[in-house]
Amino acid sequence: MRRTTLAAATAGIALIMTGCSSTAAPEAATTPAAAVPTPSSSSAAAQQPAAAAPRDAKAAVTALTAAVPSIKAVKTYSADDDPNHLLGRPNQYISKTAFADSRIKAEDVEMEDEDSVARGGSIEIFATPADAQARVDYIAGIIKQMPAFTEYDYVHGAEVLRVSKLLTPEQAKQLQAALQA
């Protein structure tokens, strides 16, 4: 009975996480929202002009790795294997790469998929800063309804950095600063 209940609960959580595996809460600059550590940059940051040709998510994660050696790229998605089925869809991300952060204890994420945001995070690249901000706003709505999915989310131009809630606010801000550098 216990195994059946545990299996059903795990399956339910996995299903929910697949539908919202990119989630965040918008707020001013990098100040955490009340009772939910999901900071994101303000609308002003989302309105920054995007580069002529946005870099892809793999290049963004490579740049993060140079600045924060505790992270490593885990998976770069294609439209065929994106768990959210958003890659390349209208107004959605055009590139996505997941990363792991060695500062997160293995026992805290042993039930998570290798490419789960909980293991470190991900970068999603959008065609426009407005699309990136809309993604963060969408994630924030999900977190507001289901705080268990809390994470840190930052917008920089057309890039969205999603960071595991298992990192401290200071560690998350270190990743944000690296993204913006």
N, C-alpha and C. Protein backbone atom coordinates (compact mmCIF):
# COMPACT_ATOMS: atom_id res chain seq x y z
N MET A 1 0.83 -1.19 0.00
CA MET A 1 0.00 0.00 0.00
C MET A 1 0.87 1.25 0.00
N ARG A 2 1.91 1.25 0.87
CA ARG A 2 2.79 2.40 0.94
C ARG A 2 3.53 2.62 -0.37
N ARG A 3 4.01 1.55 -0.98
CA ARG A 3 4.72 1.68 -2.25
C ARG A 3 3.81 2.22 -3.33
N THR A 4 2.56 1.75 -3.36
CA THR A 4 1.60 2.22 -4.35
C THR A 4 1.34 3.71 -4.16
N THR A 5 1.15 4.13 -2.93
CA THR A 5 0.91 5.55 -2.64
C THR A 5 2.13 6.37 -3.00
N LEU A 6 3.33 5.90 -2.65
CA LEU A 6 4.55 6.61 -2.98
C LEU A 6 4.73 6.70 -4.49
N ALA A 7 4.47 5.59 -5.19
CA ALA A 7 4.62 5.59 -6.64
C ALA A 7 3.62 6.55 -7.28
N ALA A 8 2.40 6.57 -6.79
CA ALA A 8 1.39 7.49 -7.34
C ALA A 8 1.76 8.94 -7.07
N ALA A 9 2.25 9.21 -5.88
CA ALA A 9 2.66 10.58 -5.54
C ALA A 9 3.84 11.01 -6.40
N THR A 10 4.80 10.12 -6.57
CA THR A 10 5.97 10.43 -7.39
C THR A 10 5.56 10.68 -8.84
N ALA A 11 4.68 9.86 -9.36
CA ALA A 11 4.21 10.03 -10.73
C ALA A 11 3.46 11.35 -10.88
N GLY A 12 2.65 11.69 -9.91
CA GLY A 12 1.91 12.96 -9.95
C GLY A 12 2.84 14.15 -9.93
N ILE A 13 3.83 14.11 -9.09
CA ILE A 13 4.80 15.20 -9.01
C ILE A 13 5.59 15.29 -10.32
N ALA A 14 5.99 14.15 -10.85
CA ALA A 14 6.73 14.15 -12.12
C ALA A 14 5.88 14.75 -13.24
N LEU A 15 4.61 14.43 -13.27
CA LEU A 15 3.73 14.96 -14.29
C LEU A 15 3.60 16.47 -14.15
N ILE A 16 3.44 16.95 -12.93
CA ILE A 16 3.33 18.38 -12.70
C ILE A 16 4.63 19.07 -13.07
N MET A 17 5.77 18.49 -12.69
CA MET A 17 7.07 19.09 -12.99
C MET A 17 7.31 19.15 -14.49
N THR A 18 6.85 18.16 -15.24
CA THR A 18 7.02 18.17 -16.68
C THR A 18 6.24 19.32 -17.28
N GLY A 19 5.06 19.55 -16.78
CA GLY A 19 4.23 20.64 -17.32
C GLY A 19 4.74 22.01 -16.95
N CYS A 20 5.52 22.11 -15.89
CA CYS A 20 5.98 23.43 -15.47
C CYS A 20 7.45 23.40 -15.12
N SER A 21 8.21 22.57 -15.78
CA SER A 21 9.60 22.43 -15.38
C SER A 21 10.41 23.69 -15.56
N SER A 22 9.79 24.76 -16.00
CA SER A 22 10.44 26.05 -16.08
C SER A 22 9.55 27.02 -15.34
N THR A 23 9.86 27.30 -14.08
CA THR A 23 8.96 28.07 -13.25
C THR A 23 9.67 29.15 -12.46
N ALA A 24 9.03 30.34 -12.25
CA ALA A 24 9.65 31.42 -11.50
C ALA A 24 8.68 32.46 -11.04
N ALA A 25 9.13 33.40 -10.22
CA ALA A 25 8.28 34.47 -9.74
C ALA A 25 8.93 35.81 -10.01
N PRO A 26 8.23 36.70 -10.73
CA PRO A 26 8.84 37.99 -11.03
C PRO A 26 8.80 38.90 -9.83
N GLU A 27 9.76 39.77 -9.74
CA GLU A 27 9.82 40.78 -8.69
C GLU A 27 10.90 41.75 -9.05
N ALA A 28 10.99 42.79 -8.30
CA ALA A 28 11.96 43.83 -8.59
C ALA A 28 13.38 43.28 -8.54
N ALA A 29 14.19 43.72 -9.46
CA ALA A 29 15.60 43.37 -9.58
C ALA A 29 15.87 41.96 -9.10
N THR A 30 16.54 41.80 -7.97
CA THR A 30 16.85 40.45 -7.50
C THR A 30 16.37 40.24 -6.08
N THR A 31 15.37 40.97 -5.67
CA THR A 31 14.84 40.83 -4.32
C THR A 31 13.89 39.65 -4.30
N PRO A 32 14.06 38.72 -3.37
CA PRO A 32 13.17 37.57 -3.33
C PRO A 32 11.73 37.99 -3.01
N ALA A 33 10.78 37.31 -3.61
CA ALA A 33 9.37 37.56 -3.33
C ALA A 33 9.08 37.13 -1.90
N ALA A 34 8.08 37.70 -1.32
CA ALA A 34 7.74 37.38 0.07
C ALA A 34 7.50 35.89 0.21
N ALA A 35 8.24 35.26 1.08
CA ALA A 35 8.12 33.86 1.44
C ALA A 35 8.42 32.90 0.29
N VAL A 36 8.81 33.41 -0.87
CA VAL A 36 9.13 32.55 -2.00
C VAL A 36 10.44 33.03 -2.61
N PRO A 37 11.54 32.28 -2.44
CA PRO A 37 12.81 32.75 -2.97
C PRO A 37 12.89 32.56 -4.48
N THR A 38 12.14 33.36 -5.23
CA THR A 38 12.16 33.28 -6.68
C THR A 38 12.40 34.64 -7.29
N PRO A 39 13.58 35.24 -7.06
CA PRO A 39 13.83 36.56 -7.60
C PRO A 39 13.99 36.52 -9.10
N SER A 40 13.59 37.57 -9.74
CA SER A 40 13.84 37.75 -11.16
C SER A 40 14.09 39.22 -11.39
N SER A 41 14.62 39.53 -12.53
CA SER A 41 14.89 40.92 -12.79
C SER A 41 13.61 41.64 -13.15
N SER A 42 13.66 42.93 -13.05
CA SER A 42 12.47 43.75 -13.29
C SER A 42 12.15 43.83 -14.77
N SER A 43 11.02 44.43 -15.07
CA SER A 43 10.62 44.62 -16.46
C SER A 43 11.66 45.43 -17.21
N ALA A 44 12.33 46.35 -16.52
CA ALA A 44 13.35 47.15 -17.17
C ALA A 44 14.45 46.26 -17.74
N ALA A 45 14.83 45.22 -16.99
CA ALA A 45 15.85 44.31 -17.49
C ALA A 45 15.34 43.55 -18.70
N ALA A 46 14.07 43.20 -18.70
CA ALA A 46 13.50 42.47 -19.83
C ALA A 46 13.42 43.37 -21.06
N GLN A 47 13.40 44.68 -20.85
CA GLN A 47 13.30 45.60 -21.97
C GLN A 47 14.67 45.97 -22.54
N GLN A 48 15.74 45.44 -21.97
CA GLN A 48 17.05 45.69 -22.52
C GLN A 48 17.07 45.16 -23.93
N PRO A 49 17.74 45.87 -24.81
CA PRO A 49 17.77 45.37 -26.18
C PRO A 49 18.50 44.04 -26.25
N ALA A 50 17.93 43.13 -26.99
CA ALA A 50 18.56 41.83 -27.17
C ALA A 50 19.70 41.98 -28.16
N ALA A 51 20.68 41.14 -28.05
CA ALA A 51 21.78 41.16 -29.01
C ALA A 51 21.23 40.87 -30.39
N ALA A 52 21.92 41.30 -31.41
CA ALA A 52 21.47 41.12 -32.79
C ALA A 52 21.12 39.66 -33.05
N ALA A 53 21.98 38.77 -32.64
CA ALA A 53 21.69 37.34 -32.75
C ALA A 53 21.94 36.75 -31.37
N PRO A 54 20.86 36.41 -30.64
CA PRO A 54 21.06 35.90 -29.28
C PRO A 54 21.93 34.64 -29.30
N ARG A 55 22.77 34.54 -28.27
CA ARG A 55 23.59 33.33 -28.17
C ARG A 55 22.67 32.15 -27.84
N ASP A 56 23.14 30.97 -28.10
CA ASP A 56 22.32 29.83 -27.75
C ASP A 56 22.57 29.47 -26.28
N ALA A 57 21.70 28.63 -25.74
CA ALA A 57 21.76 28.29 -24.32
C ALA A 57 23.04 27.54 -23.97
N LYS A 58 23.53 26.72 -24.86
CA LYS A 58 24.77 25.99 -24.57
C LYS A 58 25.93 26.97 -24.40
N ALA A 59 26.01 27.98 -25.25
CA ALA A 59 27.06 28.99 -25.13
C ALA A 59 26.91 29.78 -23.83
N ALA A 60 25.68 30.06 -23.43
CA ALA A 60 25.43 30.78 -22.18
C ALA A 60 25.87 29.95 -20.99
N VAL A 61 25.58 28.65 -21.00
CA VAL A 61 26.01 27.77 -19.90
C VAL A 61 27.53 27.64 -19.90
N THR A 62 28.14 27.58 -21.06
CA THR A 62 29.61 27.52 -21.13
C THR A 62 30.22 28.77 -20.49
N ALA A 63 29.62 29.93 -20.76
CA ALA A 63 30.10 31.18 -20.14
C ALA A 63 29.90 31.14 -18.63
N LEU A 64 28.77 30.60 -18.17
CA LEU A 64 28.54 30.48 -16.73
C LEU A 64 29.58 29.56 -16.09
N THR A 65 29.89 28.48 -16.76
CA THR A 65 30.86 27.51 -16.24
C THR A 65 32.22 28.16 -16.04
N ALA A 66 32.59 29.05 -16.94
CA ALA A 66 33.87 29.75 -16.82
C ALA A 66 33.89 30.64 -15.57
N ALA A 67 32.74 31.22 -15.24
CA ALA A 67 32.65 32.13 -14.10
C ALA A 67 32.34 31.40 -12.79
N VAL A 68 31.62 30.31 -12.87
CA VAL A 68 31.21 29.56 -11.67
C VAL A 68 31.58 28.09 -11.91
N PRO A 69 32.77 27.69 -11.49
CA PRO A 69 33.27 26.35 -11.80
C PRO A 69 32.47 25.19 -11.21
N SER A 70 31.57 25.46 -10.27
CA SER A 70 30.78 24.38 -9.67
C SER A 70 29.67 23.88 -10.59
N ILE A 71 29.45 24.55 -11.72
CA ILE A 71 28.39 24.08 -12.62
C ILE A 71 28.98 23.41 -13.86
N LYS A 72 28.18 22.53 -14.43
CA LYS A 72 28.55 21.88 -15.69
C LYS A 72 27.29 21.63 -16.49
N ALA A 73 27.40 21.76 -17.79
CA ALA A 73 26.28 21.49 -18.68
C ALA A 73 25.91 20.02 -18.59
N VAL A 74 24.61 19.76 -18.58
CA VAL A 74 24.12 18.38 -18.48
C VAL A 74 23.41 17.96 -19.76
N LYS A 75 22.58 18.85 -20.30
CA LYS A 75 21.80 18.48 -21.48
C LYS A 75 21.39 19.72 -22.24
N THR A 76 21.60 19.68 -23.54
CA THR A 76 21.07 20.70 -24.44
C THR A 76 19.91 20.04 -25.18
N TYR A 77 18.77 20.67 -25.11
CA TYR A 77 17.54 20.06 -25.63
C TYR A 77 17.34 20.35 -27.12
N SER A 78 16.57 19.48 -27.74
CA SER A 78 16.07 19.68 -29.10
C SER A 78 14.55 19.70 -29.01
N ALA A 79 13.91 20.06 -30.09
CA ALA A 79 12.45 20.06 -30.10
C ALA A 79 11.90 18.66 -29.85
N ASP A 80 12.67 17.64 -30.17
CA ASP A 80 12.23 16.25 -29.99
C ASP A 80 12.28 15.77 -28.55
N ASP A 81 13.22 16.30 -27.75
CA ASP A 81 13.36 15.79 -26.39
C ASP A 81 13.09 16.81 -25.29
N ASP A 82 12.60 17.99 -25.65
CA ASP A 82 12.26 19.00 -24.65
C ASP A 82 11.09 18.50 -23.82
N PRO A 83 11.27 18.34 -22.50
CA PRO A 83 10.19 17.79 -21.68
C PRO A 83 8.96 18.69 -21.59
N ASN A 84 9.13 19.99 -21.86
CA ASN A 84 8.00 20.92 -21.81
C ASN A 84 7.30 21.06 -23.16
N HIS A 85 7.90 20.55 -24.21
CA HIS A 85 7.36 20.66 -25.56
C HIS A 85 7.14 22.13 -25.94
N LEU A 86 8.10 22.98 -25.54
CA LEU A 86 8.01 24.41 -25.83
C LEU A 86 9.10 24.87 -26.80
N LEU A 87 10.17 24.13 -26.92
CA LEU A 87 11.31 24.55 -27.73
C LEU A 87 10.90 24.80 -29.18
N GLY A 88 11.09 26.05 -29.61
CA GLY A 88 10.78 26.42 -30.98
C GLY A 88 9.32 26.77 -31.24
N ARG A 89 8.47 26.59 -30.24
CA ARG A 89 7.06 26.93 -30.43
C ARG A 89 6.90 28.45 -30.39
N PRO A 90 5.82 29.00 -30.95
CA PRO A 90 5.63 30.45 -30.96
C PRO A 90 5.71 31.06 -29.57
N ASN A 91 6.51 32.11 -29.43
CA ASN A 91 6.71 32.87 -28.20
C ASN A 91 7.39 32.08 -27.08
N GLN A 92 7.96 30.94 -27.38
CA GLN A 92 8.62 30.13 -26.38
C GLN A 92 10.13 30.14 -26.63
N TYR A 93 10.87 29.42 -25.81
CA TYR A 93 12.32 29.45 -25.96
C TYR A 93 12.77 28.80 -27.26
N ILE A 94 13.89 29.32 -27.76
CA ILE A 94 14.45 28.83 -29.01
C ILE A 94 15.69 27.97 -28.76
N SER A 95 16.12 27.95 -27.51
CA SER A 95 17.29 27.17 -27.10
C SER A 95 17.20 26.94 -25.60
N LYS A 96 17.60 25.75 -25.14
CA LYS A 96 17.56 25.45 -23.71
C LYS A 96 18.65 24.44 -23.37
N THR A 97 19.38 24.74 -22.28
CA THR A 97 20.40 23.82 -21.76
C THR A 97 20.27 23.74 -20.25
N ALA A 98 20.28 22.52 -19.73
CA ALA A 98 20.24 22.29 -18.28
C ALA A 98 21.66 22.15 -17.77
N PHE A 99 21.85 22.54 -16.49
CA PHE A 99 23.16 22.37 -15.88
C PHE A 99 23.01 21.86 -14.45
N ALA A 100 24.07 21.22 -13.97
CA ALA A 100 24.12 20.74 -12.58
C ALA A 100 25.10 21.62 -11.83
N ASP A 101 24.90 21.72 -10.51
CA ASP A 101 25.78 22.51 -9.65
C ASP A 101 26.27 21.60 -8.53
N SER A 102 27.56 21.42 -8.43
CA SER A 102 28.13 20.49 -7.45
C SER A 102 27.96 20.97 -6.01
N ARG A 103 27.51 22.21 -5.80
CA ARG A 103 27.25 22.68 -4.44
C ARG A 103 25.96 22.11 -3.87
N ILE A 104 25.16 21.48 -4.70
CA ILE A 104 23.92 20.85 -4.25
C ILE A 104 24.24 19.41 -3.84
N LYS A 105 23.82 19.05 -2.64
CA LYS A 105 24.11 17.72 -2.12
C LYS A 105 23.36 16.65 -2.93
N ALA A 106 24.07 15.60 -3.27
CA ALA A 106 23.49 14.51 -4.06
C ALA A 106 22.26 13.92 -3.38
N GLU A 107 22.29 13.78 -2.07
CA GLU A 107 21.14 13.18 -1.37
C GLU A 107 19.90 14.07 -1.44
N ASP A 108 20.08 15.36 -1.70
CA ASP A 108 18.93 16.26 -1.80
C ASP A 108 18.20 16.15 -3.14
N VAL A 109 18.87 15.53 -4.12
CA VAL A 109 18.28 15.44 -5.46
C VAL A 109 18.30 14.04 -6.04
N GLU A 110 18.45 13.04 -5.18
CA GLU A 110 18.60 11.67 -5.69
C GLU A 110 17.38 11.17 -6.46
N MET A 111 16.20 11.72 -6.20
CA MET A 111 14.99 11.30 -6.92
C MET A 111 14.71 12.15 -8.16
N GLU A 112 15.55 13.13 -8.41
CA GLU A 112 15.36 14.04 -9.54
C GLU A 112 16.02 13.50 -10.80
N ASP A 113 15.46 13.84 -11.95
CA ASP A 113 16.09 13.50 -13.23
C ASP A 113 17.43 14.20 -13.32
N GLU A 114 18.33 13.66 -14.12
CA GLU A 114 19.67 14.23 -14.29
C GLU A 114 19.62 15.68 -14.75
N ASP A 115 18.61 16.04 -15.54
CA ASP A 115 18.52 17.39 -16.10
C ASP A 115 17.50 18.28 -15.38
N SER A 116 17.09 17.89 -14.20
CA SER A 116 16.12 18.67 -13.42
C SER A 116 16.71 20.00 -12.97
N VAL A 117 15.91 21.04 -12.98
CA VAL A 117 16.33 22.35 -12.48
C VAL A 117 16.79 22.21 -11.03
N ALA A 118 16.19 21.32 -10.27
CA ALA A 118 16.56 21.13 -8.87
C ALA A 118 18.03 20.77 -8.70
N ARG A 119 18.65 20.15 -9.69
CA ARG A 119 20.05 19.75 -9.61
C ARG A 119 21.01 20.91 -9.88
N GLY A 120 20.50 22.03 -10.35
CA GLY A 120 21.36 23.19 -10.65
C GLY A 120 20.56 24.29 -11.29
N GLY A 121 20.11 24.03 -12.51
CA GLY A 121 19.29 25.02 -13.19
C GLY A 121 19.28 24.82 -14.69
N SER A 122 18.85 25.86 -15.39
CA SER A 122 18.85 25.83 -16.84
C SER A 122 18.86 27.26 -17.37
N ILE A 123 19.21 27.37 -18.63
CA ILE A 123 19.11 28.64 -19.33
C ILE A 123 18.20 28.40 -20.53
N GLU A 124 17.23 29.29 -20.67
CA GLU A 124 16.32 29.27 -21.82
C GLU A 124 16.53 30.58 -22.58
N ILE A 125 16.69 30.48 -23.88
CA ILE A 125 16.90 31.65 -24.73
C ILE A 125 15.64 31.88 -25.55
N PHE A 126 15.19 33.12 -25.58
CA PHE A 126 13.98 33.50 -26.32
C PHE A 126 14.33 34.43 -27.47
N ALA A 127 13.41 34.59 -28.39
CA ALA A 127 13.63 35.49 -29.53
C ALA A 127 13.58 36.95 -29.08
N THR A 128 12.79 37.24 -28.04
CA THR A 128 12.66 38.62 -27.58
C THR A 128 12.70 38.69 -26.05
N PRO A 129 13.12 39.83 -25.51
CA PRO A 129 13.06 40.00 -24.06
C PRO A 129 11.63 39.90 -23.51
N ALA A 130 10.65 40.35 -24.27
CA ALA A 130 9.25 40.26 -23.82
C ALA A 130 8.83 38.81 -23.65
N ASP A 131 9.25 37.94 -24.55
CA ASP A 131 8.92 36.51 -24.43
C ASP A 131 9.61 35.91 -23.20
N ALA A 132 10.84 36.33 -22.93
CA ALA A 132 11.56 35.85 -21.75
C ALA A 132 10.84 36.28 -20.47
N GLN A 133 10.41 37.53 -20.42
CA GLN A 133 9.70 38.02 -19.23
C GLN A 133 8.36 37.30 -19.07
N ALA A 134 7.67 37.03 -20.17
CA ALA A 134 6.40 36.31 -20.10
C ALA A 134 6.61 34.91 -19.51
N ARG A 135 7.72 34.28 -19.86
CA ARG A 135 8.02 32.94 -19.33
C ARG A 135 8.21 33.00 -17.81
N VAL A 136 8.98 33.99 -17.34
CA VAL A 136 9.21 34.15 -15.91
C VAL A 136 7.90 34.46 -15.19
N ASP A 137 7.07 35.29 -15.79
CA ASP A 137 5.77 35.60 -15.19
C ASP A 137 4.91 34.35 -15.08
N TYR A 138 4.92 33.52 -16.12
CA TYR A 138 4.17 32.27 -16.12
C TYR A 138 4.65 31.34 -15.00
N ILE A 139 5.96 31.21 -14.89
CA ILE A 139 6.53 30.36 -13.86
C ILE A 139 6.16 30.89 -12.47
N ALA A 140 6.19 32.20 -12.32
CA ALA A 140 5.84 32.82 -11.03
C ALA A 140 4.41 32.46 -10.64
N GLY A 141 3.51 32.44 -11.60
CA GLY A 141 2.13 32.07 -11.32
C GLY A 141 2.01 30.64 -10.83
N ILE A 142 2.77 29.76 -11.42
CA ILE A 142 2.75 28.36 -10.99
C ILE A 142 3.29 28.25 -9.56
N ILE A 143 4.40 28.91 -9.29
CA ILE A 143 5.00 28.84 -7.96
C ILE A 143 4.07 29.42 -6.91
N LYS A 144 3.36 30.46 -7.27
CA LYS A 144 2.43 31.06 -6.31
C LYS A 144 1.36 30.05 -5.90
N GLN A 145 0.92 29.23 -6.84
CA GLN A 145 -0.08 28.20 -6.56
C GLN A 145 0.51 26.95 -5.93
N MET A 146 1.78 26.64 -6.26
CA MET A 146 2.44 25.43 -5.78
C MET A 146 3.85 25.77 -5.32
N PRO A 147 4.00 26.31 -4.11
CA PRO A 147 5.31 26.74 -3.61
C PRO A 147 6.37 25.64 -3.57
N ALA A 148 5.98 24.41 -3.63
CA ALA A 148 6.97 23.33 -3.63
C ALA A 148 7.89 23.42 -4.85
N PHE A 149 7.45 24.10 -5.89
CA PHE A 149 8.23 24.22 -7.12
C PHE A 149 9.07 25.49 -7.15
N THR A 150 9.26 26.10 -6.00
CA THR A 150 10.03 27.34 -5.91
C THR A 150 11.41 27.18 -6.54
N GLU A 151 11.85 28.24 -7.20
CA GLU A 151 13.19 28.32 -7.76
C GLU A 151 13.52 29.80 -7.92
N TYR A 152 14.76 30.09 -8.22
CA TYR A 152 15.16 31.46 -8.54
C TYR A 152 15.12 31.61 -10.05
N ASP A 153 14.58 32.72 -10.52
CA ASP A 153 14.54 32.97 -11.96
C ASP A 153 14.97 34.40 -12.24
N TYR A 154 15.83 34.53 -13.24
CA TYR A 154 16.36 35.84 -13.60
C TYR A 154 16.22 36.03 -15.10
N VAL A 155 15.86 37.25 -15.48
CA VAL A 155 15.77 37.61 -16.89
C VAL A 155 16.92 38.55 -17.20
N HIS A 156 17.61 38.27 -18.29
CA HIS A 156 18.65 39.17 -18.79
C HIS A 156 18.47 39.26 -20.30
N GLY A 157 17.85 40.35 -20.75
CA GLY A 157 17.54 40.45 -22.17
C GLY A 157 16.59 39.35 -22.57
N ALA A 158 16.99 38.53 -23.52
CA ALA A 158 16.15 37.43 -24.00
C ALA A 158 16.52 36.10 -23.35
N GLU A 159 17.31 36.16 -22.28
CA GLU A 159 17.75 34.94 -21.59
C GLU A 159 17.05 34.81 -20.24
N VAL A 160 16.64 33.58 -19.93
CA VAL A 160 16.05 33.28 -18.63
C VAL A 160 16.97 32.27 -17.96
N LEU A 161 17.43 32.64 -16.76
CA LEU A 161 18.24 31.75 -15.94
C LEU A 161 17.36 31.21 -14.84
N ARG A 162 17.20 29.90 -14.80
CA ARG A 162 16.43 29.23 -13.75
C ARG A 162 17.43 28.53 -12.84
N VAL A 163 17.31 28.77 -11.52
CA VAL A 163 18.27 28.26 -10.56
C VAL A 163 17.55 27.49 -9.47
N SER A 164 18.12 26.37 -9.08
CA SER A 164 17.56 25.50 -8.05
C SER A 164 17.36 26.24 -6.73
N LYS A 165 16.25 25.95 -6.07
CA LYS A 165 15.99 26.50 -4.75
C LYS A 165 16.94 25.94 -3.70
N LEU A 166 17.67 24.88 -4.04
CA LEU A 166 18.60 24.27 -3.09
C LEU A 166 19.89 25.07 -2.94
N LEU A 167 20.11 26.04 -3.82
CA LEU A 167 21.24 26.94 -3.66
C LEU A 167 20.82 28.09 -2.76
N THR A 168 21.77 28.67 -2.09
CA THR A 168 21.47 29.82 -1.23
C THR A 168 21.19 31.04 -2.09
N PRO A 169 20.54 32.05 -1.54
CA PRO A 169 20.33 33.28 -2.32
C PRO A 169 21.65 33.86 -2.84
N GLU A 170 22.70 33.81 -2.06
CA GLU A 170 24.00 34.34 -2.49
C GLU A 170 24.55 33.54 -3.67
N GLN A 171 24.40 32.21 -3.61
CA GLN A 171 24.88 31.37 -4.71
C GLN A 171 24.08 31.63 -5.98
N ALA A 172 22.77 31.80 -5.83
CA ALA A 172 21.92 32.11 -6.99
C ALA A 172 22.31 33.45 -7.60
N LYS A 173 22.58 34.44 -6.76
CA LYS A 173 22.99 35.76 -7.26
C LYS A 173 24.34 35.69 -7.96
N GLN A 174 25.21 34.78 -7.53
CA GLN A 174 26.48 34.59 -8.20
C GLN A 174 26.25 34.13 -9.64
N LEU A 175 25.31 33.22 -9.82
CA LEU A 175 24.97 32.76 -11.18
C LEU A 175 24.34 33.89 -11.99
N GLN A 176 23.48 34.67 -11.35
CA GLN A 176 22.86 35.79 -12.05
C GLN A 176 23.92 36.78 -12.52
N ALA A 177 24.86 37.11 -11.65
CA ALA A 177 25.92 38.05 -12.01
C ALA A 177 26.76 37.50 -13.17
N ALA A 178 27.02 36.20 -13.16
CA ALA A 178 27.78 35.57 -14.24
C ALA A 178 27.01 35.65 -15.56
N LEU A 179 25.70 35.47 -15.50
CA LEU A 179 24.88 35.57 -16.71
C LEU A 179 24.96 36.98 -17.29
N GLN A 180 24.92 37.96 -16.44
CA GLN A 180 24.90 39.36 -16.89
C GLN A 180 26.27 39.87 -17.33
N ALA A 181 27.33 39.14 -16.94
CA ALA A 181 28.69 39.60 -17.29
C ALA A 181 28.98 39.37 -18.75
